[in-house]
PDB file of N, CA and C in Angstrom:
ATOM      1  N   UNK A   1       0.847  -1.183   0.000  1.00  0.00           N
ATOM      2  CA  UNK A   1       0.000   0.000   0.000  1.00  0.00           C
ATOM      3  C   UNK A   1       0.892   1.246   0.000  1.00  0.00           C
ATOM      4  N   UNK A   2       0.505   2.236  -0.803  1.00  0.00           N
ATOM      5  CA  UNK A   2       1.296   3.460  -0.914  1.00  0.00           C
ATOM      6  C   UNK A   2       0.896   4.421   0.202  1.00  0.00           C
ATOM      7  N   UNK A   3       1.890   5.020   0.772  1.00  0.00           N
ATOM      8  CA  UNK A   3       1.682   6.004   1.829  1.00  0.00           C
ATOM      9  C   UNK A   3       0.981   7.236   1.234  1.00  0.00           C
ATOM     10  N   UNK A   4      -0.123   7.704   1.845  1.00  0.00           N
ATOM     11  CA  UNK A   4      -0.835   8.865   1.307  1.00  0.00           C
ATOM     12  C   UNK A   4       0.033  10.128   1.281  1.00  0.00           C
ATOM     13  N   UNK A   5       0.935  10.261   2.218  1.00  0.00           N
ATOM     14  CA  UNK A   5       1.822  11.428   2.238  1.00  0.00           C
ATOM     15  C   UNK A   5       2.741  11.395   1.014  1.00  0.00           C
ATOM     16  N   UNK A   6       3.211  10.211   0.639  1.00  0.00           N
ATOM     17  CA  UNK A   6       4.064  10.084  -0.542  1.00  0.00           C
ATOM     18  C   UNK A   6       3.276  10.449  -1.809  1.00  0.00           C
ATOM     19  N   UNK A   7       2.007  10.047  -1.871  1.00  0.00           N
ATOM     20  CA  UNK A   7       1.167  10.379  -3.023  1.00  0.00           C
ATOM     21  C   UNK A   7       0.992  11.894  -3.143  1.00  0.00           C
ATOM     22  N   UNK A   8       0.720  12.537  -2.019  1.00  0.00           N
ATOM     23  CA  UNK A   8       0.535  13.989  -2.012  1.00  0.00           C
ATOM     24  C   UNK A   8       1.823  14.680  -2.431  1.00  0.00           C
ATOM     25  N   UNK A   9       2.948  14.215  -1.912  1.00  0.00           N
ATOM     26  CA  UNK A   9       4.242  14.796  -2.263  1.00  0.00           C
ATOM     27  C   UNK A   9       4.526  14.617  -3.751  1.00  0.00           C
ATOM     28  N   UNK A  10       4.222  13.449  -4.279  1.00  0.00           N
ATOM     29  CA  UNK A  10       4.437  13.186  -5.696  1.00  0.00           C
ATOM     30  C   UNK A  10       3.581  14.109  -6.563  1.00  0.00           C
ATOM     31  N   UNK A  11       2.324  14.245  -6.209  1.00  0.00           N
ATOM     32  CA  UNK A  11       1.431  15.131  -6.965  1.00  0.00           C
ATOM     33  C   UNK A  11       1.925  16.566  -6.896  1.00  0.00           C
ATOM     34  N   UNK A  12       2.371  16.994  -5.736  1.00  0.00           N
ATOM     35  CA  UNK A  12       2.880  18.357  -5.557  1.00  0.00           C
ATOM     36  C   UNK A  12       4.088  18.602  -6.462  1.00  0.00           C
ATOM     37  N   UNK A  13       5.035  17.692  -6.461  1.00  0.00           N
ATOM     38  CA  UNK A  13       6.248  17.859  -7.269  1.00  0.00           C
ATOM     39  C   UNK A  13       5.927  17.797  -8.768  1.00  0.00           C
ATOM     40  N   UNK A  14       5.012  16.917  -9.161  1.00  0.00           N
ATOM     41  CA  UNK A  14       4.617  16.844 -10.565  1.00  0.00           C
ATOM     42  C   UNK A  14       3.905  18.117 -11.005  1.00  0.00           C
ATOM     43  N   UNK A  15       3.100  18.676 -10.125  1.00  0.00           N
ATOM     44  CA  UNK A  15       2.406  19.925 -10.430  1.00  0.00           C
ATOM     45  C   UNK A  15       3.403  21.057 -10.625  1.00  0.00           C
ATOM     46  N   UNK A  16       4.372  21.160  -9.724  1.00  0.00           N
ATOM     47  CA  UNK A  16       5.399  22.193  -9.864  1.00  0.00           C
ATOM     48  C   UNK A  16       6.178  22.016 -11.164  1.00  0.00           C
ATOM     49  N   UNK A  17       6.477  20.801 -11.512  1.00  0.00           N
ATOM     50  CA  UNK A  17       7.207  20.518 -12.744  1.00  0.00           C
ATOM     51  C   UNK A  17       6.408  20.976 -13.967  1.00  0.00           C
ATOM     52  N   UNK A  18       5.116  20.716 -13.973  1.00  0.00           N
ATOM     53  CA  UNK A  18       4.272  21.123 -15.094  1.00  0.00           C
ATOM     54  C   UNK A  18       4.128  22.641 -15.147  1.00  0.00           C
ATOM     55  N   UNK A  19       4.027  23.283 -13.989  1.00  0.00           N
ATOM     56  CA  UNK A  19       3.889  24.744 -13.962  1.00  0.00           C
ATOM     57  C   UNK A  19       5.146  25.436 -14.494  1.00  0.00           C
ATOM     58  N   UNK A  20       6.303  24.834 -14.326  1.00  0.00           N
ATOM     59  CA  UNK A  20       7.539  25.413 -14.855  1.00  0.00           C
ATOM     60  C   UNK A  20       7.555  25.376 -16.379  1.00  0.00           C
ATOM     61  N   UNK A  21       6.793  24.453 -16.978  1.00  0.00           N
ATOM     62  CA  UNK A  21       6.731  24.332 -18.428  1.00  0.00           C
ATOM     63  C   UNK A  21       5.775  25.359 -19.052  1.00  0.00           C
ATOM     64  N   UNK A  22       4.918  25.964 -18.242  1.00  0.00           N
ATOM     65  CA  UNK A  22       3.917  26.898 -18.748  1.00  0.00           C
ATOM     66  C   UNK A  22       4.569  28.194 -19.208  1.00  0.00           C
ATOM     67  N   UNK A  23       3.949  28.799 -20.214  1.00  0.00           N
ATOM     68  CA  UNK A  23       4.364  30.146 -20.607  1.00  0.00           C
ATOM     69  C   UNK A  23       3.280  31.099 -20.118  1.00  0.00           C
ATOM     70  N   UNK A  24       3.685  32.109 -19.413  1.00  0.00           N
ATOM     71  CA  UNK A  24       2.751  33.046 -18.833  1.00  0.00           C
ATOM     72  C   UNK A  24       2.616  34.257 -19.741  1.00  0.00           C
ATOM     73  N   UNK A  25       1.419  34.835 -19.842  1.00  0.00           N
ATOM     74  CA  UNK A  25       1.228  35.979 -20.746  1.00  0.00           C
ATOM     75  C   UNK A  25       1.943  37.222 -20.233  1.00  0.00           C
ATOM     76  N   UNK A  26       2.319  38.071 -21.193  1.00  0.00           N
ATOM     77  CA  UNK A  26       2.880  39.367 -20.831  1.00  0.00           C
ATOM     78  C   UNK A  26       1.760  40.315 -20.429  1.00  0.00           C
ATOM     79  N   UNK A  27       2.142  41.502 -19.991  1.00  0.00           N
ATOM     80  CA  UNK A  27       1.155  42.463 -19.497  1.00  0.00           C
ATOM     81  C   UNK A  27       0.167  42.852 -20.590  1.00  0.00           C
ATOM     82  N   UNK A  28       0.658  43.161 -21.806  1.00  0.00           N
ATOM     83  CA  UNK A  28      -0.245  43.604 -22.872  1.00  0.00           C
ATOM     84  C   UNK A  28      -1.200  42.484 -23.298  1.00  0.00           C
ATOM     85  N   UNK A  29      -0.715  41.255 -23.354  1.00  0.00           N
ATOM     86  CA  UNK A  29      -1.585  40.125 -23.701  1.00  0.00           C
ATOM     87  C   UNK A  29      -2.643  39.910 -22.617  1.00  0.00           C
ATOM     88  N   UNK A  30      -2.253  40.094 -21.365  1.00  0.00           N
ATOM     89  CA  UNK A  30      -3.195  39.951 -20.259  1.00  0.00           C
ATOM     90  C   UNK A  30      -4.297  41.002 -20.331  1.00  0.00           C
ATOM     91  N   UNK A  31      -3.912  42.253 -20.618  1.00  0.00           N
ATOM     92  CA  UNK A  31      -4.896  43.336 -20.729  1.00  0.00           C
ATOM     93  C   UNK A  31      -5.822  43.085 -21.912  1.00  0.00           C
ATOM     94  N   UNK A  32      -5.254  42.692 -23.056  1.00  0.00           N
ATOM     95  CA  UNK A  32      -6.070  42.415 -24.239  1.00  0.00           C
ATOM     96  C   UNK A  32      -7.066  41.282 -23.978  1.00  0.00           C
ATOM     97  N   UNK A  33      -6.598  40.216 -23.355  1.00  0.00           N
ATOM     98  CA  UNK A  33      -7.483  39.079 -23.053  1.00  0.00           C
ATOM     99  C   UNK A  33      -8.587  39.481 -22.087  1.00  0.00           C
ATOM    100  N   UNK A  34      -8.247  40.296 -21.108  1.00  0.00           N
ATOM    101  CA  UNK A  34      -9.234  40.756 -20.135  1.00  0.00           C
ATOM    102  C   UNK A  34     -10.316  41.587 -20.824  1.00  0.00           C
ATOM    103  N   UNK A  35      -9.892  42.468 -21.733  1.00  0.00           N
ATOM    104  CA  UNK A  35     -10.865  43.284 -22.460  1.00  0.00           C
ATOM    105  C   UNK A  35     -11.775  42.417 -23.332  1.00  0.00           C
ATOM    106  N   UNK A  36     -11.213  41.398 -23.964  1.00  0.00           N
ATOM    107  CA  UNK A  36     -12.025  40.493 -24.775  1.00  0.00           C
ATOM    108  C   UNK A  36     -13.075  39.801 -23.910  1.00  0.00           C
ATOM    109  N   UNK A  37     -12.690  39.367 -22.724  1.00  0.00           N
ATOM    110  CA  UNK A  37     -13.635  38.695 -21.822  1.00  0.00           C
ATOM    111  C   UNK A  37     -14.722  39.662 -21.373  1.00  0.00           C
ATOM    112  N   UNK A  38     -14.349  40.885 -21.014  1.00  0.00           N
ATOM    113  CA  UNK A  38     -15.339  41.867 -20.542  1.00  0.00           C
ATOM    114  C   UNK A  38     -16.328  42.214 -21.653  1.00  0.00           C
ATOM    115  N   UNK A  39     -15.824  42.438 -22.865  1.00  0.00           N
ATOM    116  CA  UNK A  39     -16.709  42.758 -23.996  1.00  0.00           C
ATOM    117  C   UNK A  39     -17.608  41.567 -24.314  1.00  0.00           C
ATOM    118  N   UNK A  40     -17.062  40.364 -24.296  1.00  0.00           N
ATOM    119  CA  UNK A  40     -17.863  39.167 -24.573  1.00  0.00           C
ATOM    120  C   UNK A  40     -18.977  38.991 -23.556  1.00  0.00           C
ATOM    121  N   UNK A  41     -18.668  39.206 -22.299  1.00  0.00           N
ATOM    122  CA  UNK A  41     -19.689  39.088 -21.249  1.00  0.00           C
ATOM    123  C   UNK A  41     -20.765  40.154 -21.441  1.00  0.00           C
ATOM    124  N   UNK A  42     -20.368  41.360 -21.824  1.00  0.00           N
ATOM    125  CA  UNK A  42     -21.341  42.425 -22.078  1.00  0.00           C
ATOM    126  C   UNK A  42     -22.262  42.079 -23.230  1.00  0.00           C
ATOM    127  N   UNK A  43     -21.693  41.556 -24.315  1.00  0.00           N
ATOM    128  CA  UNK A  43     -22.506  41.169 -25.476  1.00  0.00           C
ATOM    129  C   UNK A  43     -23.462  40.039 -25.104  1.00  0.00           C
ATOM    130  N   UNK A  44     -22.965  39.036 -24.395  1.00  0.00           N
ATOM    131  CA  UNK A  44     -23.817  37.924 -23.980  1.00  0.00           C
ATOM    132  C   UNK A  44     -24.923  38.389 -23.038  1.00  0.00           C
ATOM    133  N   UNK A  45     -24.596  39.306 -22.127  1.00  0.00           N
ATOM    134  CA  UNK A  45     -25.596  39.844 -21.206  1.00  0.00           C
ATOM    135  C   UNK A  45     -26.692  40.573 -21.970  1.00  0.00           C
ATOM    136  N   UNK A  46     -26.301  41.396 -22.944  1.00  0.00           N
ATOM    137  CA  UNK A  46     -27.284  42.125 -23.750  1.00  0.00           C
ATOM    138  C   UNK A  46     -28.161  41.156 -24.537  1.00  0.00           C
ATOM    139  N   UNK A  47     -27.547  40.127 -25.115  1.00  0.00           N
ATOM    140  CA  UNK A  47     -28.312  39.145 -25.890  1.00  0.00           C
ATOM    141  C   UNK A  47     -29.339  38.426 -25.018  1.00  0.00           C
ATOM    142  N   UNK A  48     -28.906  37.977 -23.845  1.00  0.00           N
ATOM    143  CA  UNK A  48     -29.823  37.264 -22.945  1.00  0.00           C
ATOM    144  C   UNK A  48     -30.926  38.206 -22.463  1.00  0.00           C
ATOM    145  N   UNK A  49     -30.574  39.453 -22.158  1.00  0.00           N
ATOM    146  CA  UNK A  49     -31.581  40.415 -21.706  1.00  0.00           C
ATOM    147  C   UNK A  49     -32.620  40.698 -22.771  1.00  0.00           C
ATOM    148  N   UNK A  50     -32.173  40.927 -24.010  1.00  0.00           N
ATOM    149  CA  UNK A  50     -33.109  41.201 -25.104  1.00  0.00           C
ATOM    150  C   UNK A  50     -33.969  39.972 -25.389  1.00  0.00           C
ATOM    151  N   UNK A  51     -33.357  38.806 -25.412  1.00  0.00           N
ATOM    152  CA  UNK A  51     -34.108  37.576 -25.651  1.00  0.00           C
ATOM    153  C   UNK A  51     -35.159  37.363 -24.573  1.00  0.00           C
ATOM    154  N   UNK A  52     -34.798  37.596 -23.330  1.00  0.00           N
ATOM    155  CA  UNK A  52     -35.737  37.445 -22.220  1.00  0.00           C
ATOM    156  C   UNK A  52     -36.907  38.417 -22.371  1.00  0.00           C
ATOM    157  N   UNK A  53     -36.595  39.653 -22.729  1.00  0.00           N
ATOM    158  CA  UNK A  53     -37.638  40.661 -22.892  1.00  0.00           C
ATOM    159  C   UNK A  53     -38.592  40.282 -24.028  1.00  0.00           C
ATOM    160  N   UNK A  54     -38.048  39.804 -25.157  1.00  0.00           N
ATOM    161  CA  UNK A  54     -38.881  39.417 -26.300  1.00  0.00           C
ATOM    162  C   UNK A  54     -39.765  38.223 -25.940  1.00  0.00           C
ATOM    163  N   UNK A  55     -39.193  37.218 -25.301  1.00  0.00           N
ATOM    164  CA  UNK A  55     -39.976  36.040 -24.922  1.00  0.00           C
ATOM    165  C   UNK A  55     -41.076  36.429 -23.935  1.00  0.00           C
ATOM    166  N   UNK A  56     -40.745  37.287 -22.992  1.00  0.00           N
ATOM    167  CA  UNK A  56     -41.743  37.741 -22.025  1.00  0.00           C
ATOM    168  C   UNK A  56     -42.881  38.482 -22.733  1.00  0.00           C
ATOM    169  N   UNK A  57     -42.554  39.349 -23.688  1.00  0.00           N
ATOM    170  CA  UNK A  57     -43.575  40.099 -24.414  1.00  0.00           C
ATOM    171  C   UNK A  57     -44.459  39.168 -25.236  1.00  0.00           C
ATOM    172  N   UNK A  58     -43.864  38.184 -25.882  1.00  0.00           N
ATOM    173  CA  UNK A  58     -44.640  37.233 -26.685  1.00  0.00           C
ATOM    174  C   UNK A  58     -45.570  36.424 -25.800  1.00  0.00           C
ATOM    175  N   UNK A  59     -45.073  35.964 -24.677  1.00  0.00           N
ATOM    176  CA  UNK A  59     -45.912  35.176 -23.756  1.00  0.00           C
ATOM    177  C   UNK A  59     -47.059  36.020 -23.217  1.00  0.00           C
ATOM    178  N   UNK A  60     -46.783  37.288 -22.901  1.00  0.00           N
ATOM    179  CA  UNK A  60     -47.863  38.172 -22.418  1.00  0.00           C
ATOM    180  C   UNK A  60     -48.906  38.390 -23.502  1.00  0.00           C
ATOM    181  N   UNK A  61     -48.467  38.573 -24.743  1.00  0.00           N
ATOM    182  CA  UNK A  61     -49.431  38.752 -25.837  1.00  0.00           C
ATOM    183  C   UNK A  61     -50.296  37.513 -26.030  1.00  0.00           C
ATOM    184  N   UNK A  62     -49.694  36.336 -25.881  1.00  0.00           N
ATOM    185  CA  UNK A  62     -50.448  35.104 -26.083  1.00  0.00           C
ATOM    186  C   UNK A  62     -51.379  34.780 -24.917  1.00  0.00           C
ATOM    187  N   UNK A  63     -51.029  35.178 -23.710  1.00  0.00           N
ATOM    188  CA  UNK A  63     -51.834  34.803 -22.551  1.00  0.00           C
ATOM    189  C   UNK A  63     -52.803  35.856 -22.089  1.00  0.00           C
ATOM    190  N   UNK A  64     -52.547  37.135 -22.327  1.00  0.00           N
ATOM    191  CA  UNK A  64     -53.435  38.191 -21.863  1.00  0.00           C
ATOM    192  C   UNK A  64     -54.732  38.212 -22.659  1.00  0.00           C
ATOM    193  N   UNK A  65     -54.645  37.908 -23.932  1.00  0.00           N
ATOM    194  CA  UNK A  65     -55.831  37.950 -24.798  1.00  0.00           C
ATOM    195  C   UNK A  65     -56.818  36.838 -24.514  1.00  0.00           C
ATOM    196  N   UNK A  66     -56.497  35.896 -23.719  1.00  0.00           N
ATOM    197  CA  UNK A  66     -57.380  34.755 -23.495  1.00  0.00           C
ATOM    198  C   UNK A  66     -58.170  34.895 -22.233  1.00  0.00           C
TER     199      UNK A  66
END
């Protein structure tokens, strides 16, 4: 049976080894990526809001008249 402490130590060392292989973004790439995420979230929020409003209006038109 493997000692759980040895397993944890092995995972820790393997994780550190993999993190050393990573390339980290520079400042300008980080800012650009952040702006892309913020704009994307804004567009998605607007789309969901408009879709919700349209569906709500259609449902009200279909149910109020009855």
